[in-house]
Amino acid sequence: MPIILIYKELNHLIDDYYKCPFTHIKEQILIDINLLTDALLMVDADLQLEAPLKSV
């Protein structure tokens, strides 16, 4: 499932971010982290829309 791959990659990027000693590379990693976070939010929103609506 694609969402699992996004989570795994996000975890790898977070590890890389904390281990990296170079500020300019950390900035690039942070951009990637933010992009993947946005992707997760979009996938979550899509899944929420596909769920059947509950009757009140």
PDB file of N, CA and C in Angstrom:
ATOM      1  N   MET A   1       0.847  -1.187   0.000  1.00  0.00           N
ATOM      2  CA  MET A   1       0.000   0.000   0.000  1.00  0.00           C
ATOM      3  C   MET A   1       0.890   1.248   0.000  1.00  0.00           C
ATOM      4  N   PRO A   2       0.563   2.235  -0.831  1.00  0.00           N
ATOM      5  CA  PRO A   2       1.409   3.427  -0.969  1.00  0.00           C
ATOM      6  C   PRO A   2       1.594   4.218   0.323  1.00  0.00           C
ATOM      7  N   ILE A   3       0.584   4.249   1.176  1.00  0.00           N
ATOM      8  CA  ILE A   3       0.694   5.044   2.399  1.00  0.00           C
ATOM      9  C   ILE A   3       1.792   4.492   3.316  1.00  0.00           C
ATOM     10  N   ILE A   4       1.967   3.183   3.327  1.00  0.00           N
ATOM     11  CA  ILE A   4       3.024   2.569   4.148  1.00  0.00           C
ATOM     12  C   ILE A   4       4.391   3.001   3.632  1.00  0.00           C
ATOM     13  N   LEU A   5       4.545   3.062   2.323  1.00  0.00           N
ATOM     14  CA  LEU A   5       5.813   3.513   1.745  1.00  0.00           C
ATOM     15  C   LEU A   5       6.102   4.961   2.101  1.00  0.00           C
ATOM     16  N   ILE A   6       5.058   5.782   2.113  1.00  0.00           N
ATOM     17  CA  ILE A   6       5.245   7.187   2.480  1.00  0.00           C
ATOM     18  C   ILE A   6       5.703   7.295   3.927  1.00  0.00           C
ATOM     19  N   TYR A   7       5.071   6.534   4.824  1.00  0.00           N
ATOM     20  CA  TYR A   7       5.483   6.546   6.233  1.00  0.00           C
ATOM     21  C   TYR A   7       6.925   6.083   6.407  1.00  0.00           C
ATOM     22  N   LYS A   8       7.297   5.016   5.704  1.00  0.00           N
ATOM     23  CA  LYS A   8       8.666   4.512   5.817  1.00  0.00           C
ATOM     24  C   LYS A   8       9.670   5.540   5.326  1.00  0.00           C
ATOM     25  N   GLU A   9       9.377   6.156   4.191  1.00  0.00           N
ATOM     26  CA  GLU A   9      10.286   7.159   3.653  1.00  0.00           C
ATOM     27  C   GLU A   9      10.362   8.373   4.572  1.00  0.00           C
ATOM     28  N   LEU A  10       9.241   8.749   5.143  1.00  0.00           N
ATOM     29  CA  LEU A  10       9.222   9.871   6.077  1.00  0.00           C
ATOM     30  C   LEU A  10      10.102   9.573   7.287  1.00  0.00           C
ATOM     31  N   ASN A  11      10.022   8.377   7.812  1.00  0.00           N
ATOM     32  CA  ASN A  11      10.873   7.994   8.946  1.00  0.00           C
ATOM     33  C   ASN A  11      12.350   8.010   8.579  1.00  0.00           C
ATOM     34  N   HIS A  12      12.669   7.550   7.371  1.00  0.00           N
ATOM     35  CA  HIS A  12      14.072   7.588   6.919  1.00  0.00           C
ATOM     36  C   HIS A  12      14.561   9.031   6.807  1.00  0.00           C
ATOM     37  N   LEU A  13      13.733   9.884   6.266  1.00  0.00           N
ATOM     38  CA  LEU A  13      14.124  11.289   6.131  1.00  0.00           C
ATOM     39  C   LEU A  13      14.319  11.959   7.483  1.00  0.00           C
ATOM     40  N   ILE A  14      13.462  11.639   8.429  1.00  0.00           N
ATOM     41  CA  ILE A  14      13.610  12.223   9.769  1.00  0.00           C
ATOM     42  C   ILE A  14      14.912  11.756  10.401  1.00  0.00           C
ATOM     43  N   ASP A  15      15.234  10.485  10.257  1.00  0.00           N
ATOM     44  CA  ASP A  15      16.515   9.976  10.764  1.00  0.00           C
ATOM     45  C   ASP A  15      17.682  10.682  10.088  1.00  0.00           C
ATOM     46  N   ASP A  16      17.604  10.817   8.767  1.00  0.00           N
ATOM     47  CA  ASP A  16      18.661  11.499   8.018  1.00  0.00           C
ATOM     48  C   ASP A  16      18.813  12.945   8.473  1.00  0.00           C
ATOM     49  N   TYR A  17      17.692  13.594   8.725  1.00  0.00           N
ATOM     50  CA  TYR A  17      17.717  14.988   9.155  1.00  0.00           C
ATOM     51  C   TYR A  17      18.509  15.146  10.453  1.00  0.00           C
ATOM     52  N   TYR A  18      18.215  14.303  11.431  1.00  0.00           N
ATOM     53  CA  TYR A  18      18.897  14.433  12.725  1.00  0.00           C
ATOM     54  C   TYR A  18      20.357  13.997  12.686  1.00  0.00           C
ATOM     55  N   LYS A  19      20.711  13.125  11.753  1.00  0.00           N
ATOM     56  CA  LYS A  19      22.092  12.652  11.656  1.00  0.00           C
ATOM     57  C   LYS A  19      22.976  13.556  10.799  1.00  0.00           C
ATOM     58  N   CYS A  20      22.369  14.393   9.969  1.00  0.00           N
ATOM     59  CA  CYS A  20      23.130  15.192   9.013  1.00  0.00           C
ATOM     60  C   CYS A  20      23.804  16.385   9.696  1.00  0.00           C
ATOM     61  N   PRO A  21      25.108  16.556   9.492  1.00  0.00           N
ATOM     62  CA  PRO A  21      25.817  17.682  10.109  1.00  0.00           C
ATOM     63  C   PRO A  21      25.788  18.963   9.256  1.00  0.00           C
ATOM     64  N   PHE A  22      25.274  18.889   8.035  1.00  0.00           N
ATOM     65  CA  PHE A  22      25.336  20.023   7.114  1.00  0.00           C
ATOM     66  C   PHE A  22      23.994  20.750   7.024  1.00  0.00           C
ATOM     67  N   THR A  23      24.016  22.036   7.345  1.00  0.00           N
ATOM     68  CA  THR A  23      22.795  22.827   7.392  1.00  0.00           C
ATOM     69  C   THR A  23      22.077  22.868   6.053  1.00  0.00           C
ATOM     70  N   HIS A  24      22.814  23.066   4.973  1.00  0.00           N
ATOM     71  CA  HIS A  24      22.160  23.194   3.666  1.00  0.00           C
ATOM     72  C   HIS A  24      21.499  21.881   3.225  1.00  0.00           C
ATOM     73  N   ILE A  25      22.076  20.766   3.605  1.00  0.00           N
ATOM     74  CA  ILE A  25      21.460  19.469   3.280  1.00  0.00           C
ATOM     75  C   ILE A  25      20.245  19.233   4.173  1.00  0.00           C
ATOM     76  N   LYS A  26      20.349  19.632   5.447  1.00  0.00           N
ATOM     77  CA  LYS A  26      19.215  19.496   6.357  1.00  0.00           C
ATOM     78  C   LYS A  26      18.016  20.295   5.847  1.00  0.00           C
ATOM     79  N   GLU A  27      18.275  21.462   5.259  1.00  0.00           N
ATOM     80  CA  GLU A  27      17.186  22.269   4.703  1.00  0.00           C
ATOM     81  C   GLU A  27      16.490  21.521   3.568  1.00  0.00           C
ATOM     82  N   GLN A  28      17.250  20.858   2.719  1.00  0.00           N
ATOM     83  CA  GLN A  28      16.672  20.092   1.615  1.00  0.00           C
ATOM     84  C   GLN A  28      15.874  18.890   2.148  1.00  0.00           C
ATOM     85  N   ILE A  29      16.405  18.229   3.161  1.00  0.00           N
ATOM     86  CA  ILE A  29      15.697  17.098   3.765  1.00  0.00           C
ATOM     87  C   ILE A  29      14.389  17.581   4.383  1.00  0.00           C
ATOM     88  N   LEU A  30      14.421  18.738   5.027  1.00  0.00           N
ATOM     89  CA  LEU A  30      13.210  19.287   5.640  1.00  0.00           C
ATOM     90  C   LEU A  30      12.149  19.594   4.584  1.00  0.00           C
ATOM     91  N   ILE A  31      12.562  20.066   3.428  1.00  0.00           N
ATOM     92  CA  ILE A  31      11.614  20.299   2.335  1.00  0.00           C
ATOM     93  C   ILE A  31      10.946  18.982   1.948  1.00  0.00           C
ATOM     94  N   ASP A  32      11.738  17.921   1.830  1.00  0.00           N
ATOM     95  CA  ASP A  32      11.186  16.603   1.490  1.00  0.00           C
ATOM     96  C   ASP A  32      10.237  16.095   2.580  1.00  0.00           C
ATOM     97  N   ILE A  33      10.603  16.315   3.829  1.00  0.00           N
ATOM     98  CA  ILE A  33       9.746  15.908   4.947  1.00  0.00           C
ATOM     99  C   ILE A  33       8.400  16.629   4.858  1.00  0.00           C
ATOM    100  N   ASN A  34       8.441  17.919   4.575  1.00  0.00           N
ATOM    101  CA  ASN A  34       7.192  18.687   4.465  1.00  0.00           C
ATOM    102  C   ASN A  34       6.353  18.214   3.288  1.00  0.00           C
ATOM    103  N   LEU A  35       6.982  17.881   2.165  1.00  0.00           N
ATOM    104  CA  LEU A  35       6.246  17.380   1.010  1.00  0.00           C
ATOM    105  C   LEU A  35       5.566  16.049   1.320  1.00  0.00           C
ATOM    106  N   LEU A  36       6.283  15.158   1.979  1.00  0.00           N
ATOM    107  CA  LEU A  36       5.686  13.868   2.326  1.00  0.00           C
ATOM    108  C   LEU A  36       4.583  14.016   3.370  1.00  0.00           C
ATOM    109  N   THR A  37       4.756  14.952   4.289  1.00  0.00           N
ATOM    110  CA  THR A  37       3.717  15.207   5.280  1.00  0.00           C
ATOM    111  C   THR A  37       2.449  15.704   4.588  1.00  0.00           C
ATOM    112  N   ASP A  38       2.622  16.608   3.628  1.00  0.00           N
ATOM    113  CA  ASP A  38       1.469  17.088   2.855  1.00  0.00           C
ATOM    114  C   ASP A  38       0.806  15.939   2.099  1.00  0.00           C
ATOM    115  N   ALA A  39       1.610  15.042   1.537  1.00  0.00           N
ATOM    116  CA  ALA A  39       1.067  13.893   0.813  1.00  0.00           C
ATOM    117  C   ALA A  39       0.249  13.006   1.748  1.00  0.00           C
ATOM    118  N   LEU A  40       0.748  12.787   2.955  1.00  0.00           N
ATOM    119  CA  LEU A  40      -0.002  11.977   3.929  1.00  0.00           C
ATOM    120  C   LEU A  40      -1.327  12.634   4.295  1.00  0.00           C
ATOM    121  N   LEU A  41      -1.313  13.939   4.454  1.00  0.00           N
ATOM    122  CA  LEU A  41      -2.545  14.649   4.773  1.00  0.00           C
ATOM    123  C   LEU A  41      -3.553  14.537   3.636  1.00  0.00           C
ATOM    124  N   MET A  42      -3.073  14.601   2.415  1.00  0.00           N
ATOM    125  CA  MET A  42      -3.962  14.479   1.260  1.00  0.00           C
ATOM    126  C   MET A  42      -4.536  13.067   1.153  1.00  0.00           C
ATOM    127  N   VAL A  43      -3.705  12.058   1.384  1.00  0.00           N
ATOM    128  CA  VAL A  43      -4.185  10.674   1.347  1.00  0.00           C
ATOM    129  C   VAL A  43      -5.225  10.464   2.440  1.00  0.00           C
ATOM    130  N   ASP A  44      -4.957  10.995   3.617  1.00  0.00           N
ATOM    131  CA  ASP A  44      -5.904  10.865   4.722  1.00  0.00           C
ATOM    132  C   ASP A  44      -7.230  11.542   4.379  1.00  0.00           C
ATOM    133  N   ALA A  45      -7.165  12.721   3.784  1.00  0.00           N
ATOM    134  CA  ALA A  45      -8.392  13.425   3.402  1.00  0.00           C
ATOM    135  C   ALA A  45      -9.164  12.623   2.353  1.00  0.00           C
ATOM    136  N   ASP A  46      -8.454  12.030   1.400  1.00  0.00           N
ATOM    137  CA  ASP A  46      -9.111  11.199   0.387  1.00  0.00           C
ATOM    138  C   ASP A  46      -9.785   9.988   1.023  1.00  0.00           C
ATOM    139  N   LEU A  47      -9.103   9.356   1.964  1.00  0.00           N
ATOM    140  CA  LEU A  47      -9.683   8.190   2.627  1.00  0.00           C
ATOM    141  C   LEU A  47     -10.921   8.573   3.427  1.00  0.00           C
ATOM    142  N   GLN A  48     -10.883   9.740   4.041  1.00  0.00           N
ATOM    143  CA  GLN A  48     -12.029  10.204   4.827  1.00  0.00           C
ATOM    144  C   GLN A  48     -13.227  10.459   3.920  1.00  0.00           C
ATOM    145  N   LEU A  49     -12.979  10.979   2.723  1.00  0.00           N
ATOM    146  CA  LEU A  49     -14.074  11.253   1.784  1.00  0.00           C
ATOM    147  C   LEU A  49     -14.685   9.972   1.228  1.00  0.00           C
ATOM    148  N   GLU A  50     -13.866   8.916   1.107  1.00  0.00           N
ATOM    149  CA  GLU A  50     -14.346   7.658   0.573  1.00  0.00           C
ATOM    150  C   GLU A  50     -15.133   6.844   1.599  1.00  0.00           C
ATOM    151  N   ALA A  51     -14.988   7.182   2.877  1.00  0.00           N
ATOM    152  CA  ALA A  51     -15.698   6.452   3.924  1.00  0.00           C
ATOM    153  C   ALA A  51     -17.190   6.773   3.835  1.00  0.00           C
ATOM    154  N   PRO A  52     -18.032   5.795   4.084  1.00  0.00           N
ATOM    155  CA  PRO A  52     -19.478   6.069   4.048  1.00  0.00           C
ATOM    156  C   PRO A  52     -19.864   7.069   5.130  1.00  0.00           C
ATOM    157  N   LEU A  53     -20.767   7.947   4.781  1.00  0.00           N
ATOM    158  CA  LEU A  53     -21.235   8.930   5.753  1.00  0.00           C
ATOM    159  C   LEU A  53     -22.146   8.269   6.777  1.00  0.00           C
ATOM    160  N   LYS A  54     -22.002   8.661   8.030  1.00  0.00           N
ATOM    161  CA  LYS A  54     -22.839   8.110   9.094  1.00  0.00           C
ATOM    162  C   LYS A  54     -24.124   8.892   9.176  1.00  0.00           C
ATOM    163  N   SER A  55     -25.229   8.200   9.361  1.00  0.00           N
ATOM    164  CA  SER A  55     -26.507   8.904   9.515  1.00  0.00           C
ATOM    165  C   SER A  55     -26.663   9.347  10.957  1.00  0.00           C
ATOM    166  N   VAL A  56     -27.293  10.469  11.123  1.00  0.00           N
ATOM    167  CA  VAL A  56     -27.463  11.047  12.465  1.00  0.00           C
ATOM    168  C   VAL A  56     -28.740  10.568  13.078  1.00  0.00           C
TER     169      VAL A  56
END
